[in-house]
Amino acid sequence: MLPELHRSTNTPPSSTANSQSDCGTATMSSQTLPLFDTRAAAHARVNPKKQEMYGRILGVARERAHFGLTADELAQRWTCSHNHVAPRISELAKQGKLIATGRTRLRRSGGCARVYILPEFA
């Protein structure tokens, strides 16, 4: 059984910080990386994939012109999760690269989804 850790310090309550746990592995070091370093590393890792996704979304938006697109339509088209494309659409809208039209279309679930278009079609 692993020792219980204090939430504030991530160290065991007793002085067994450098001892072996019951499962035969060494306990974790109490040294931690600053939060910013891990965020920057994660961003550097996923940013190329996000940029590629932005390009794909904008390509579909250009192809669909005034008709526009919804996150649900993209997810269905690319056979991926709505949660995979919706954040990228929101980010593009915040950057001004997509515009919410004020129109909605039905989602597969029966709810309403915002329709987005490129600014040139607004």
PDB file of N, CA and C in Angstrom:
ATOM      1  N   MET A   1       0.844  -1.185   0.000  1.00  0.00           N
ATOM      2  CA  MET A   1       0.000   0.000   0.000  1.00  0.00           C
ATOM      3  C   MET A   1       0.885   1.242   0.000  1.00  0.00           C
ATOM      4  N   LEU A   2       0.540   2.221  -0.824  1.00  0.00           N
ATOM      5  CA  LEU A   2       1.319   3.452  -0.913  1.00  0.00           C
ATOM      6  C   LEU A   2       0.993   4.363   0.261  1.00  0.00           C
ATOM      7  N   PRO A   3       1.966   5.138   0.740  1.00  0.00           N
ATOM      8  CA  PRO A   3       1.691   6.052   1.850  1.00  0.00           C
ATOM      9  C   PRO A   3       0.758   7.167   1.400  1.00  0.00           C
ATOM     10  N   GLU A   4      -0.067   7.632   2.328  1.00  0.00           N
ATOM     11  CA  GLU A   4      -0.953   8.757   2.032  1.00  0.00           C
ATOM     12  C   GLU A   4      -0.118  10.031   1.964  1.00  0.00           C
ATOM     13  N   LEU A   5      -0.434  10.919   1.022  1.00  0.00           N
ATOM     14  CA  LEU A   5       0.325  12.146   0.840  1.00  0.00           C
ATOM     15  C   LEU A   5      -0.443  13.333   1.386  1.00  0.00           C
ATOM     16  N   HIS A   6       0.301  14.297   1.944  1.00  0.00           N
ATOM     17  CA  HIS A   6      -0.293  15.568   2.344  1.00  0.00           C
ATOM     18  C   HIS A   6      -0.588  16.350   1.070  1.00  0.00           C
ATOM     19  N   ARG A   7      -1.758  16.938   0.976  1.00  0.00           N
ATOM     20  CA  ARG A   7      -2.121  17.665  -0.242  1.00  0.00           C
ATOM     21  C   ARG A   7      -1.241  18.890  -0.461  1.00  0.00           C
ATOM     22  N   SER A   8      -0.864  19.575   0.568  1.00  0.00           N
ATOM     23  CA  SER A   8      -0.124  20.823   0.393  1.00  0.00           C
ATOM     24  C   SER A   8       1.326  20.605  -0.019  1.00  0.00           C
ATOM     25  N   THR A   9       1.919  19.475   0.355  1.00  0.00           N
ATOM     26  CA  THR A   9       3.341  19.278   0.079  1.00  0.00           C
ATOM     27  C   THR A   9       3.652  18.064  -0.780  1.00  0.00           C
ATOM     28  N   ASN A  10       2.672  17.170  -0.997  1.00  0.00           N
ATOM     29  CA  ASN A  10       2.891  15.925  -1.727  1.00  0.00           C
ATOM     30  C   ASN A  10       3.974  15.065  -1.080  1.00  0.00           C
ATOM     31  N   THR A  11       4.107  15.134   0.208  1.00  0.00           N
ATOM     32  CA  THR A  11       5.072  14.306   0.925  1.00  0.00           C
ATOM     33  C   THR A  11       4.317  13.431   1.912  1.00  0.00           C
ATOM     34  N   PRO A  12       4.880  12.260   2.233  1.00  0.00           N
ATOM     35  CA  PRO A  12       4.230  11.377   3.194  1.00  0.00           C
ATOM     36  C   PRO A  12       4.153  12.044   4.566  1.00  0.00           C
ATOM     37  N   PRO A  13       3.156  11.701   5.376  1.00  0.00           N
ATOM     38  CA  PRO A  13       3.022  12.313   6.684  1.00  0.00           C
ATOM     39  C   PRO A  13       4.167  11.969   7.628  1.00  0.00           C
ATOM     40  N   SER A  14       4.786  10.811   7.454  1.00  0.00           N
ATOM     41  CA  SER A  14       5.911  10.448   8.316  1.00  0.00           C
ATOM     42  C   SER A  14       7.213  10.788   7.617  1.00  0.00           C
ATOM     43  N   SER A  15       8.322  10.425   8.190  1.00  0.00           N
ATOM     44  CA  SER A  15       9.622  10.746   7.600  1.00  0.00           C
ATOM     45  C   SER A  15      10.080   9.652   6.638  1.00  0.00           C
ATOM     46  N   THR A  16       9.164   9.057   5.889  1.00  0.00           N
ATOM     47  CA  THR A  16       9.508   7.972   4.965  1.00  0.00           C
ATOM     48  C   THR A  16       9.606   8.452   3.527  1.00  0.00           C
ATOM     49  N   ALA A  17       9.919   9.714   3.313  1.00  0.00           N
ATOM     50  CA  ALA A  17       9.930  10.282   1.967  1.00  0.00           C
ATOM     51  C   ALA A  17      10.876   9.567   1.021  1.00  0.00           C
ATOM     52  N   ASN A  18      12.004   9.043   1.508  1.00  0.00           N
ATOM     53  CA  ASN A  18      12.964   8.391   0.625  1.00  0.00           C
ATOM     54  C   ASN A  18      12.998   6.879   0.794  1.00  0.00           C
ATOM     55  N   SER A  19      12.035   6.323   1.495  1.00  0.00           N
ATOM     56  CA  SER A  19      12.025   4.880   1.716  1.00  0.00           C
ATOM     57  C   SER A  19      11.283   4.174   0.600  1.00  0.00           C
ATOM     58  N   GLN A  20      11.327   2.855   0.615  1.00  0.00           N
ATOM     59  CA  GLN A  20      10.607   2.035  -0.353  1.00  0.00           C
ATOM     60  C   GLN A  20       9.156   1.916   0.094  1.00  0.00           C
ATOM     61  N   SER A  21       8.225   1.948  -0.884  1.00  0.00           N
ATOM     62  CA  SER A  21       6.823   1.716  -0.556  1.00  0.00           C
ATOM     63  C   SER A  21       6.604   0.217  -0.433  1.00  0.00           C
ATOM     64  N   ASP A  22       5.417  -0.172  -0.012  1.00  0.00           N
ATOM     65  CA  ASP A  22       5.107  -1.581   0.178  1.00  0.00           C
ATOM     66  C   ASP A  22       5.132  -2.374  -1.120  1.00  0.00           C
ATOM     67  N   CYS A  23       4.971  -1.739  -2.259  1.00  0.00           N
ATOM     68  CA  CYS A  23       4.948  -2.485  -3.525  1.00  0.00           C
ATOM     69  C   CYS A  23       6.345  -2.620  -4.122  1.00  0.00           C
ATOM     70  N   GLY A  24       7.376  -2.181  -3.446  1.00  0.00           N
ATOM     71  CA  GLY A  24       8.739  -2.401  -3.880  1.00  0.00           C
ATOM     72  C   GLY A  24       9.311  -1.338  -4.794  1.00  0.00           C
ATOM     73  N   THR A  25       8.648  -0.230  -4.967  1.00  0.00           N
ATOM     74  CA  THR A  25       9.196   0.840  -5.799  1.00  0.00           C
ATOM     75  C   THR A  25       9.515   2.036  -4.930  1.00  0.00           C
ATOM     76  N   ALA A  26      10.444   2.839  -5.372  1.00  0.00           N
ATOM     77  CA  ALA A  26      10.834   4.023  -4.613  1.00  0.00           C
ATOM     78  C   ALA A  26       9.709   5.051  -4.663  1.00  0.00           C
ATOM     79  N   THR A  27       9.551   5.806  -3.584  1.00  0.00           N
ATOM     80  CA  THR A  27       8.531   6.853  -3.570  1.00  0.00           C
ATOM     81  C   THR A  27       8.975   7.998  -4.455  1.00  0.00           C
ATOM     82  N   MET A  28       8.012   8.797  -4.884  1.00  0.00           N
ATOM     83  CA  MET A  28       8.313   9.908  -5.781  1.00  0.00           C
ATOM     84  C   MET A  28       9.132  10.975  -5.073  1.00  0.00           C
ATOM     85  N   SER A  29       9.927  11.678  -5.849  1.00  0.00           N
ATOM     86  CA  SER A  29      10.710  12.786  -5.343  1.00  0.00           C
ATOM     87  C   SER A  29       9.775  13.911  -4.930  1.00  0.00           C
ATOM     88  N   SER A  30      10.166  14.678  -3.936  1.00  0.00           N
ATOM     89  CA  SER A  30       9.332  15.804  -3.513  1.00  0.00           C
ATOM     90  C   SER A  30       9.580  17.028  -4.387  1.00  0.00           C
ATOM     91  N   GLN A  31      10.533  16.954  -5.316  1.00  0.00           N
ATOM     92  CA  GLN A  31      10.809  18.067  -6.215  1.00  0.00           C
ATOM     93  C   GLN A  31       9.754  18.098  -7.317  1.00  0.00           C
ATOM     94  N   THR A  32       9.178  19.265  -7.562  1.00  0.00           N
ATOM     95  CA  THR A  32       8.174  19.398  -8.610  1.00  0.00           C
ATOM     96  C   THR A  32       8.586  20.499  -9.575  1.00  0.00           C
ATOM     97  N   LEU A  33       8.084  20.397 -10.804  1.00  0.00           N
ATOM     98  CA  LEU A  33       8.337  21.428 -11.802  1.00  0.00           C
ATOM     99  C   LEU A  33       7.350  22.572 -11.599  1.00  0.00           C
ATOM    100  N   PRO A  34       7.743  23.793 -11.900  1.00  0.00           N
ATOM    101  CA  PRO A  34       6.782  24.894 -11.845  1.00  0.00           C
ATOM    102  C   PRO A  34       5.653  24.634 -12.831  1.00  0.00           C
ATOM    103  N   LEU A  35       4.447  25.047 -12.486  1.00  0.00           N
ATOM    104  CA  LEU A  35       3.279  24.821 -13.312  1.00  0.00           C
ATOM    105  C   LEU A  35       3.463  25.394 -14.706  1.00  0.00           C
ATOM    106  N   PHE A  36       4.069  26.561 -14.826  1.00  0.00           N
ATOM    107  CA  PHE A  36       4.249  27.199 -16.127  1.00  0.00           C
ATOM    108  C   PHE A  36       5.069  26.321 -17.056  1.00  0.00           C
ATOM    109  N   ASP A  37       6.112  25.674 -16.557  1.00  0.00           N
ATOM    110  CA  ASP A  37       6.954  24.830 -17.407  1.00  0.00           C
ATOM    111  C   ASP A  37       6.164  23.684 -18.014  1.00  0.00           C
ATOM    112  N   THR A  38       5.291  23.060 -17.244  1.00  0.00           N
ATOM    113  CA  THR A  38       4.517  21.942 -17.768  1.00  0.00           C
ATOM    114  C   THR A  38       3.481  22.427 -18.764  1.00  0.00           C
ATOM    115  N   ARG A  39       2.892  23.588 -18.547  1.00  0.00           N
ATOM    116  CA  ARG A  39       1.925  24.130 -19.497  1.00  0.00           C
ATOM    117  C   ARG A  39       2.601  24.472 -20.820  1.00  0.00           C
ATOM    118  N   ALA A  40       3.771  25.100 -20.732  1.00  0.00           N
ATOM    119  CA  ALA A  40       4.502  25.474 -21.946  1.00  0.00           C
ATOM    120  C   ALA A  40       4.891  24.226 -22.741  1.00  0.00           C
ATOM    121  N   ALA A  41       5.319  23.188 -22.047  1.00  0.00           N
ATOM    122  CA  ALA A  41       5.697  21.942 -22.725  1.00  0.00           C
ATOM    123  C   ALA A  41       4.488  21.297 -23.389  1.00  0.00           C
ATOM    124  N   ALA A  42       3.362  21.283 -22.701  1.00  0.00           N
ATOM    125  CA  ALA A  42       2.144  20.702 -23.274  1.00  0.00           C
ATOM    126  C   ALA A  42       1.693  21.507 -24.487  1.00  0.00           C
ATOM    127  N   HIS A  43       1.752  22.825 -24.386  1.00  0.00           N
ATOM    128  CA  HIS A  43       1.354  23.678 -25.505  1.00  0.00           C
ATOM    129  C   HIS A  43       2.253  23.433 -26.720  1.00  0.00           C
ATOM    130  N   ALA A  44       3.539  23.340 -26.492  1.00  0.00           N
ATOM    131  CA  ALA A  44       4.478  23.101 -27.592  1.00  0.00           C
ATOM    132  C   ALA A  44       4.193  21.756 -28.259  1.00  0.00           C
ATOM    133  N   ARG A  45       3.751  20.787 -27.481  1.00  0.00           N
ATOM    134  CA  ARG A  45       3.469  19.452 -28.014  1.00  0.00           C
ATOM    135  C   ARG A  45       2.200  19.435 -28.856  1.00  0.00           C
ATOM    136  N   VAL A  46       1.133  20.113 -28.417  1.00  0.00           N
ATOM    137  CA  VAL A  46      -0.144  20.045 -29.125  1.00  0.00           C
ATOM    138  C   VAL A  46      -0.347  21.159 -30.144  1.00  0.00           C
ATOM    139  N   ASN A  47       0.434  22.225 -30.072  1.00  0.00           N
ATOM    140  CA  ASN A  47       0.214  23.361 -30.968  1.00  0.00           C
ATOM    141  C   ASN A  47       0.260  22.989 -32.455  1.00  0.00           C
ATOM    142  N   PRO A  48       1.204  22.179 -32.918  1.00  0.00           N
ATOM    143  CA  PRO A  48       1.177  21.822 -34.350  1.00  0.00           C
ATOM    144  C   PRO A  48      -0.119  21.119 -34.755  1.00  0.00           C
ATOM    145  N   LYS A  49      -0.644  20.263 -33.887  1.00  0.00           N
ATOM    146  CA  LYS A  49      -1.901  19.576 -34.192  1.00  0.00           C
ATOM    147  C   LYS A  49      -3.065  20.554 -34.207  1.00  0.00           C
ATOM    148  N   LYS A  50      -3.043  21.528 -33.295  1.00  0.00           N
ATOM    149  CA  LYS A  50      -4.101  22.537 -33.281  1.00  0.00           C
ATOM    150  C   LYS A  50      -4.052  23.379 -34.542  1.00  0.00           C
ATOM    151  N   GLN A  51      -2.860  23.763 -34.964  1.00  0.00           N
ATOM    152  CA  GLN A  51      -2.726  24.568 -36.173  1.00  0.00           C
ATOM    153  C   GLN A  51      -3.242  23.802 -37.398  1.00  0.00           C
ATOM    154  N   GLU A  52      -2.941  22.516 -37.459  1.00  0.00           N
ATOM    155  CA  GLU A  52      -3.436  21.677 -38.555  1.00  0.00           C
ATOM    156  C   GLU A  52      -4.963  21.621 -38.522  1.00  0.00           C
ATOM    157  N   MET A  53      -5.531  21.463 -37.324  1.00  0.00           N
ATOM    158  CA  MET A  53      -6.984  21.407 -37.181  1.00  0.00           C
ATOM    159  C   MET A  53      -7.615  22.739 -37.584  1.00  0.00           C
ATOM    160  N   TYR A  54      -6.994  23.853 -37.204  1.00  0.00           N
ATOM    161  CA  TYR A  54      -7.502  25.165 -37.622  1.00  0.00           C
ATOM    162  C   TYR A  54      -7.592  25.233 -39.142  1.00  0.00           C
ATOM    163  N   GLY A  55      -6.543  24.806 -39.817  1.00  0.00           N
ATOM    164  CA  GLY A  55      -6.514  24.834 -41.274  1.00  0.00           C
ATOM    165  C   GLY A  55      -7.608  23.977 -41.892  1.00  0.00           C
ATOM    166  N   ARG A  56      -7.828  22.810 -41.327  1.00  0.00           N
ATOM    167  CA  ARG A  56      -8.877  21.917 -41.843  1.00  0.00           C
ATOM    168  C   ARG A  56     -10.255  22.534 -41.648  1.00  0.00           C
ATOM    169  N   ILE A  57     -10.486  23.129 -40.483  1.00  0.00           N
ATOM    170  CA  ILE A  57     -11.790  23.747 -40.201  1.00  0.00           C
ATOM    171  C   ILE A  57     -12.031  24.916 -41.149  1.00  0.00           C
ATOM    172  N   LEU A  58     -11.025  25.758 -41.310  1.00  0.00           N
ATOM    173  CA  LEU A  58     -11.171  26.906 -42.205  1.00  0.00           C
ATOM    174  C   LEU A  58     -11.385  26.460 -43.646  1.00  0.00           C
ATOM    175  N   GLY A  59     -10.768  25.360 -44.037  1.00  0.00           N
ATOM    176  CA  GLY A  59     -10.978  24.816 -45.374  1.00  0.00           C
ATOM    177  C   GLY A  59     -12.421  24.383 -45.598  1.00  0.00           C
ATOM    178  N   VAL A  60     -12.996  23.722 -44.605  1.00  0.00           N
ATOM    179  CA  VAL A  60     -14.399  23.306 -44.712  1.00  0.00           C
ATOM    180  C   VAL A  60     -15.300  24.535 -44.716  1.00  0.00           C
ATOM    181  N   ALA A  61     -14.986  25.518 -43.886  1.00  0.00           N
ATOM    182  CA  ALA A  61     -15.792  26.747 -43.846  1.00  0.00           C
ATOM    183  C   ALA A  61     -15.762  27.446 -45.201  1.00  0.00           C
ATOM    184  N   ARG A  62     -14.616  27.453 -45.854  1.00  0.00           N
ATOM    185  CA  ARG A  62     -14.499  28.080 -47.184  1.00  0.00           C
ATOM    186  C   ARG A  62     -15.316  27.286 -48.208  1.00  0.00           C
ATOM    187  N   GLU A  63     -15.230  25.984 -48.138  1.00  0.00           N
ATOM    188  CA  GLU A  63     -15.967  25.104 -49.050  1.00  0.00           C
ATOM    189  C   GLU A  63     -17.484  25.276 -48.885  1.00  0.00           C
ATOM    190  N   ARG A  64     -17.936  25.457 -47.667  1.00  0.00           N
ATOM    191  CA  ARG A  64     -19.377  25.542 -47.399  1.00  0.00           C
ATOM    192  C   ARG A  64     -19.906  26.977 -47.490  1.00  0.00           C
ATOM    193  N   ALA A  65     -19.018  27.921 -47.645  1.00  0.00           N
ATOM    194  CA  ALA A  65     -19.359  29.330 -47.904  1.00  0.00           C
ATOM    195  C   ALA A  65     -20.474  29.850 -47.002  1.00  0.00           C
ATOM    196  N   HIS A  66     -21.555  30.373 -47.588  1.00  0.00           N
ATOM    197  CA  HIS A  66     -22.646  30.995 -46.825  1.00  0.00           C
ATOM    198  C   HIS A  66     -23.435  29.981 -46.004  1.00  0.00           C
ATOM    199  N   PHE A  67     -23.418  28.718 -46.406  1.00  0.00           N
ATOM    200  CA  PHE A  67     -24.143  27.685 -45.663  1.00  0.00           C
ATOM    201  C   PHE A  67     -23.534  27.497 -44.279  1.00  0.00           C
ATOM    202  N   GLY A  68     -22.224  27.608 -44.170  1.00  0.00           N
ATOM    203  CA  GLY A  68     -21.539  27.520 -42.896  1.00  0.00           C
ATOM    204  C   GLY A  68     -21.393  26.101 -42.371  1.00  0.00           C
ATOM    205  N   LEU A  69     -20.995  26.016 -41.119  1.00  0.00           N
ATOM    206  CA  LEU A  69     -20.749  24.725 -40.491  1.00  0.00           C
ATOM    207  C   LEU A  69     -21.090  24.790 -39.010  1.00  0.00           C
ATOM    208  N   THR A  70     -21.302  23.615 -38.433  1.00  0.00           N
ATOM    209  CA  THR A  70     -21.461  23.486 -36.979  1.00  0.00           C
ATOM    210  C   THR A  70     -20.428  22.476 -36.497  1.00  0.00           C
ATOM    211  N   ALA A  71     -20.156  22.494 -35.219  1.00  0.00           N
ATOM    212  CA  ALA A  71     -19.210  21.531 -34.655  1.00  0.00           C
ATOM    213  C   ALA A  71     -19.722  20.114 -34.850  1.00  0.00           C
ATOM    214  N   ASP A  72     -21.011  19.915 -34.699  1.00  0.00           N
ATOM    215  CA  ASP A  72     -21.592  18.587 -34.849  1.00  0.00           C
ATOM    216  C   ASP A  72     -21.430  18.079 -36.283  1.00  0.00           C
ATOM    217  N   GLU A  73     -21.612  18.956 -37.263  1.00  0.00           N
ATOM    218  CA  GLU A  73     -21.446  18.565 -38.663  1.00  0.00           C
ATOM    219  C   GLU A  73     -20.000  18.167 -38.959  1.00  0.00           C
ATOM    220  N   LEU A  74     -19.054  18.924 -38.416  1.00  0.00           N
ATOM    221  CA  LEU A  74     -17.644  18.563 -38.612  1.00  0.00           C
ATOM    222  C   LEU A  74     -17.325  17.234 -37.953  1.00  0.00           C
ATOM    223  N   ALA A  75     -17.808  17.044 -36.736  1.00  0.00           N
ATOM    224  CA  ALA A  75     -17.550  15.791 -36.023  1.00  0.00           C
ATOM    225  C   ALA A  75     -18.114  14.608 -36.799  1.00  0.00           C
ATOM    226  N   GLN A  76     -19.295  14.774 -37.346  1.00  0.00           N
ATOM    227  CA  GLN A  76     -19.899  13.705 -38.135  1.00  0.00           C
ATOM    228  C   GLN A  76     -19.107  13.464 -39.425  1.00  0.00           C
ATOM    229  N   ARG A  77     -18.710  14.524 -40.068  1.00  0.00           N
ATOM    230  CA  ARG A  77     -17.954  14.426 -41.330  1.00  0.00           C
ATOM    231  C   ARG A  77     -16.608  13.735 -41.118  1.00  0.00           C
ATOM    232  N   TRP A  78     -15.939  14.056 -40.020  1.00  0.00           N
ATOM    233  CA  TRP A  78     -14.604  13.522 -39.745  1.00  0.00           C
ATOM    234  C   TRP A  78     -14.625  12.301 -38.835  1.00  0.00           C
ATOM    235  N   THR A  79     -15.807  11.828 -38.501  1.00  0.00           N
ATOM    236  CA  THR A  79     -15.995  10.690 -37.581  1.00  0.00           C
ATOM    237  C   THR A  79     -15.138  10.818 -36.322  1.00  0.00           C
ATOM    238  N   CYS A  80     -15.302  11.956 -35.682  1.00  0.00           N
ATOM    239  CA  CYS A  80     -14.617  12.190 -34.411  1.00  0.00           C
ATOM    240  C   CYS A  80     -15.632  12.750 -33.414  1.00  0.00           C
ATOM    241  N   SER A  81     -15.196  13.005 -32.232  1.00  0.00           N
ATOM    242  CA  SER A  81     -16.062  13.537 -31.190  1.00  0.00           C
ATOM    243  C   SER A  81     -16.331  15.026 -31.395  1.00  0.00           C
ATOM    244  N   HIS A  82     -17.532  15.438 -31.059  1.00  0.00           N
ATOM    245  CA  HIS A  82     -17.890  16.860 -31.043  1.00  0.00           C
ATOM    246  C   HIS A  82     -16.887  17.616 -30.171  1.00  0.00           C
ATOM    247  N   ASN A  83     -16.467  17.010 -29.077  1.00  0.00           N
ATOM    248  CA  ASN A  83     -15.522  17.644 -28.155  1.00  0.00           C
ATOM    249  C   ASN A  83     -14.133  17.806 -28.755  1.00  0.00           C
ATOM    250  N   HIS A  84     -13.881  17.160 -29.847  1.00  0.00           N
ATOM    251  CA  HIS A  84     -12.588  17.294 -30.535  1.00  0.00           C
ATOM    252  C   HIS A  84     -12.545  18.562 -31.382  1.00  0.00           C
ATOM    253  N   VAL A  85     -13.678  18.943 -31.977  1.00  0.00           N
ATOM    254  CA  VAL A  85     -13.695  20.086 -32.883  1.00  0.00           C
ATOM    255  C   VAL A  85     -14.279  21.358 -32.264  1.00  0.00           C
ATOM    256  N   ALA A  86     -15.201  21.224 -31.339  1.00  0.00           N
ATOM    257  CA  ALA A  86     -15.873  22.407 -30.771  1.00  0.00           C
ATOM    258  C   ALA A  86     -14.897  23.413 -30.148  1.00  0.00           C
ATOM    259  N   PRO A  87     -13.910  22.981 -29.370  1.00  0.00           N
ATOM    260  CA  PRO A  87     -12.972  23.970 -28.813  1.00  0.00           C
ATOM    261  C   PRO A  87     -12.186  24.720 -29.881  1.00  0.00           C
ATOM    262  N   ARG A  88     -11.818  24.022 -30.966  1.00  0.00           N
ATOM    263  CA  ARG A  88     -11.066  24.686 -32.035  1.00  0.00           C
ATOM    264  C   ARG A  88     -11.944  25.721 -32.750  1.00  0.00           C
ATOM    265  N   ILE A  89     -13.224  25.424 -32.932  1.00  0.00           N
ATOM    266  CA  ILE A  89     -14.139  26.383 -33.548  1.00  0.00           C
ATOM    267  C   ILE A  89     -14.270  27.608 -32.652  1.00  0.00           C
ATOM    268  N   SER A  90     -14.410  27.398 -31.357  1.00  0.00           N
ATOM    269  CA  SER A  90     -14.505  28.525 -30.413  1.00  0.00           C
ATOM    270  C   SER A  90     -13.245  29.378 -30.452  1.00  0.00           C
ATOM    271  N   GLU A  91     -12.083  28.731 -30.511  1.00  0.00           N
ATOM    272  CA  GLU A  91     -10.823  29.474 -30.576  1.00  0.00           C
ATOM    273  C   GLU A  91     -10.730  30.294 -31.863  1.00  0.00           C
ATOM    274  N   LEU A  92     -11.152  29.707 -32.982  1.00  0.00           N
ATOM    275  CA  LEU A  92     -11.141  30.447 -34.248  1.00  0.00           C
ATOM    276  C   LEU A  92     -12.119  31.619 -34.202  1.00  0.00           C
ATOM    277  N   ALA A  93     -13.248  31.451 -33.553  1.00  0.00           N
ATOM    278  CA  ALA A  93     -14.209  32.545 -33.423  1.00  0.00           C
ATOM    279  C   ALA A  93     -13.628  33.667 -32.562  1.00  0.00           C
ATOM    280  N   LYS A  94     -12.939  33.316 -31.488  1.00  0.00           N
ATOM    281  CA  LYS A  94     -12.305  34.332 -30.640  1.00  0.00           C
ATOM    282  C   LYS A  94     -11.216  35.089 -31.389  1.00  0.00           C
ATOM    283  N   GLN A  95     -10.563  34.408 -32.324  1.00  0.00           N
ATOM    284  CA  GLN A  95      -9.517  35.046 -33.145  1.00  0.00           C
ATOM    285  C   GLN A  95     -10.114  35.857 -34.292  1.00  0.00           C
ATOM    286  N   GLY A  96     -11.421  35.787 -34.483  1.00  0.00           N
ATOM    287  CA  GLY A  96     -12.080  36.509 -35.563  1.00  0.00           C
ATOM    288  C   GLY A  96     -11.992  35.815 -36.913  1.00  0.00           C
ATOM    289  N   LYS A  97     -11.534  34.571 -36.933  1.00  0.00           N
ATOM    290  CA  LYS A  97     -11.397  33.841 -38.200  1.00  0.00           C
ATOM    291  C   LYS A  97     -12.681  33.126 -38.598  1.00  0.00           C
ATOM    292  N   LEU A  98     -13.584  32.935 -37.647  1.00  0.00           N
ATOM    293  CA  LEU A  98     -14.922  32.429 -37.897  1.00  0.00           C
ATOM    294  C   LEU A  98     -15.901  33.367 -37.206  1.00  0.00           C
ATOM    295  N   ILE A  99     -17.098  33.463 -37.752  1.00  0.00           N
ATOM    296  CA  ILE A  99     -18.125  34.329 -37.172  1.00  0.00           C
ATOM    297  C   ILE A  99     -19.388  33.508 -36.959  1.00  0.00           C
ATOM    298  N   ALA A 100     -19.977  33.620 -35.774  1.00  0.00           N
ATOM    299  CA  ALA A 100     -21.272  32.992 -35.515  1.00  0.00           C
ATOM    300  C   ALA A 100     -22.332  33.791 -36.263  1.00  0.00           C
ATOM    301  N   THR A 101     -23.152  33.102 -37.046  1.00  0.00           N
ATOM    302  CA  THR A 101     -24.113  33.785 -37.915  1.00  0.00           C
ATOM    303  C   THR A 101     -25.384  34.218 -37.202  1.00  0.00           C
ATOM    304  N   GLY A 102     -25.666  33.656 -36.058  1.00  0.00           N
ATOM    305  CA  GLY A 102     -26.950  33.888 -35.411  1.00  0.00           C
ATOM    306  C   GLY A 102     -27.961  32.816 -35.800  1.00  0.00           C
ATOM    307  N   ARG A 103     -27.640  32.024 -36.832  1.00  0.00           N
ATOM    308  CA  ARG A 103     -28.496  30.898 -37.226  1.00  0.00           C
ATOM    309  C   ARG A 103     -28.106  29.669 -36.416  1.00  0.00           C
ATOM    310  N   THR A 104     -29.029  28.735 -36.342  1.00  0.00           N
ATOM    311  CA  THR A 104     -28.753  27.450 -35.702  1.00  0.00           C
ATOM    312  C   THR A 104     -29.271  26.333 -36.601  1.00  0.00           C
ATOM    313  N   ARG A 105     -28.725  25.149 -36.396  1.00  0.00           N
ATOM    314  CA  ARG A 105     -29.217  23.935 -37.049  1.00  0.00           C
ATOM    315  C   ARG A 105     -29.308  22.847 -35.995  1.00  0.00           C
ATOM    316  N   LEU A 106     -30.161  21.873 -36.256  1.00  0.00           N
ATOM    317  CA  LEU A 106     -30.323  20.780 -35.311  1.00  0.00           C
ATOM    318  C   LEU A 106     -29.090  19.887 -35.288  1.00  0.00           C
ATOM    319  N   ARG A 107     -28.727  19.503 -34.085  1.00  0.00           N
ATOM    320  CA  ARG A 107     -27.648  18.534 -33.891  1.00  0.00           C
ATOM    321  C   ARG A 107     -28.235  17.136 -33.969  1.00  0.00           C
ATOM    322  N   ARG A 108     -27.381  16.147 -34.022  1.00  0.00           N
ATOM    323  CA  ARG A 108     -27.847  14.754 -34.019  1.00  0.00           C
ATOM    324  C   ARG A 108     -28.612  14.438 -32.748  1.00  0.00           C
ATOM    325  N   SER A 109     -28.261  15.097 -31.673  1.00  0.00           N
ATOM    326  CA  SER A 109     -28.925  14.856 -30.388  1.00  0.00           C
ATOM    327  C   SER A 109     -30.283  15.543 -30.292  1.00  0.00           C
ATOM    328  N   GLY A 110     -30.584  16.404 -31.268  1.00  0.00           N
ATOM    329  CA  GLY A 110     -31.855  17.109 -31.257  1.00  0.00           C
ATOM    330  C   GLY A 110     -31.759  18.538 -30.751  1.00  0.00           C
ATOM    331  N   GLY A 111     -30.624  18.910 -30.177  1.00  0.00           N
ATOM    332  CA  GLY A 111     -30.419  20.281 -29.704  1.00  0.00           C
ATOM    333  C   GLY A 111     -30.022  21.201 -30.848  1.00  0.00           C
ATOM    334  N   CYS A 112     -29.906  22.471 -30.540  1.00  0.00           N
ATOM    335  CA  CYS A 112     -29.519  23.464 -31.543  1.00  0.00           C
ATOM    336  C   CYS A 112     -28.018  23.736 -31.483  1.00  0.00           C
ATOM    337  N   ALA A 113     -27.428  23.935 -32.648  1.00  0.00           N
ATOM    338  CA  ALA A 113     -25.994  24.230 -32.756  1.00  0.00           C
ATOM    339  C   ALA A 113     -25.814  25.524 -33.535  1.00  0.00           C
ATOM    340  N   ARG A 114     -24.876  26.356 -33.101  1.00  0.00           N
ATOM    341  CA  ARG A 114     -24.556  27.590 -33.812  1.00  0.00           C
ATOM    342  C   ARG A 114     -23.923  27.285 -35.167  1.00  0.00           C
ATOM    343  N   VAL A 115     -24.237  28.127 -36.127  1.00  0.00           N
ATOM    344  CA  VAL A 115     -23.646  28.008 -37.464  1.00  0.00           C
ATOM    345  C   VAL A 115     -22.564  29.087 -37.583  1.00  0.00           C
ATOM    346  N   TYR A 116     -21.380  28.670 -38.022  1.00  0.00           N
ATOM    347  CA  TYR A 116     -20.234  29.571 -38.182  1.00  0.00           C
ATOM    348  C   TYR A 116     -19.881  29.674 -39.661  1.00  0.00           C
ATOM    349  N   ILE A 117     -19.430  30.871 -40.048  1.00  0.00           N
ATOM    350  CA  ILE A 117     -18.949  31.107 -41.418  1.00  0.00           C
ATOM    351  C   ILE A 117     -17.663  31.926 -41.357  1.00  0.00           C
ATOM    352  N   LEU A 118     -16.978  31.981 -42.486  1.00  0.00           N
ATOM    353  CA  LEU A 118     -15.813  32.854 -42.616  1.00  0.00           C
ATOM    354  C   LEU A 118     -16.282  34.310 -42.694  1.00  0.00           C
ATOM    355  N   PRO A 119     -15.486  35.251 -42.195  1.00  0.00           N
ATOM    356  CA  PRO A 119     -15.872  36.666 -42.265  1.00  0.00           C
ATOM    357  C   PRO A 119     -16.186  37.139 -43.689  1.00  0.00           C
ATOM    358  N   GLU A 120     -15.515  36.586 -44.683  1.00  0.00           N
ATOM    359  CA  GLU A 120     -15.748  37.017 -46.073  1.00  0.00           C
ATOM    360  C   GLU A 120     -17.146  36.659 -46.566  1.00  0.00           C
ATOM    361  N   PHE A 121     -17.843  35.756 -45.876  1.00  0.00           N
ATOM    362  CA  PHE A 121     -19.193  35.382 -46.276  1.00  0.00           C
ATOM    363  C   PHE A 121     -20.257  36.020 -45.390  1.00  0.00           C
ATOM    364  N   ALA A 122     -19.838  36.849 -44.465  1.00  0.00           N
ATOM    365  CA  ALA A 122     -20.792  37.477 -43.532  1.00  0.00           C
ATOM    366  C   ALA A 122     -21.560  38.605 -44.201  1.00  0.00           C
TER     367      ALA A 122
END
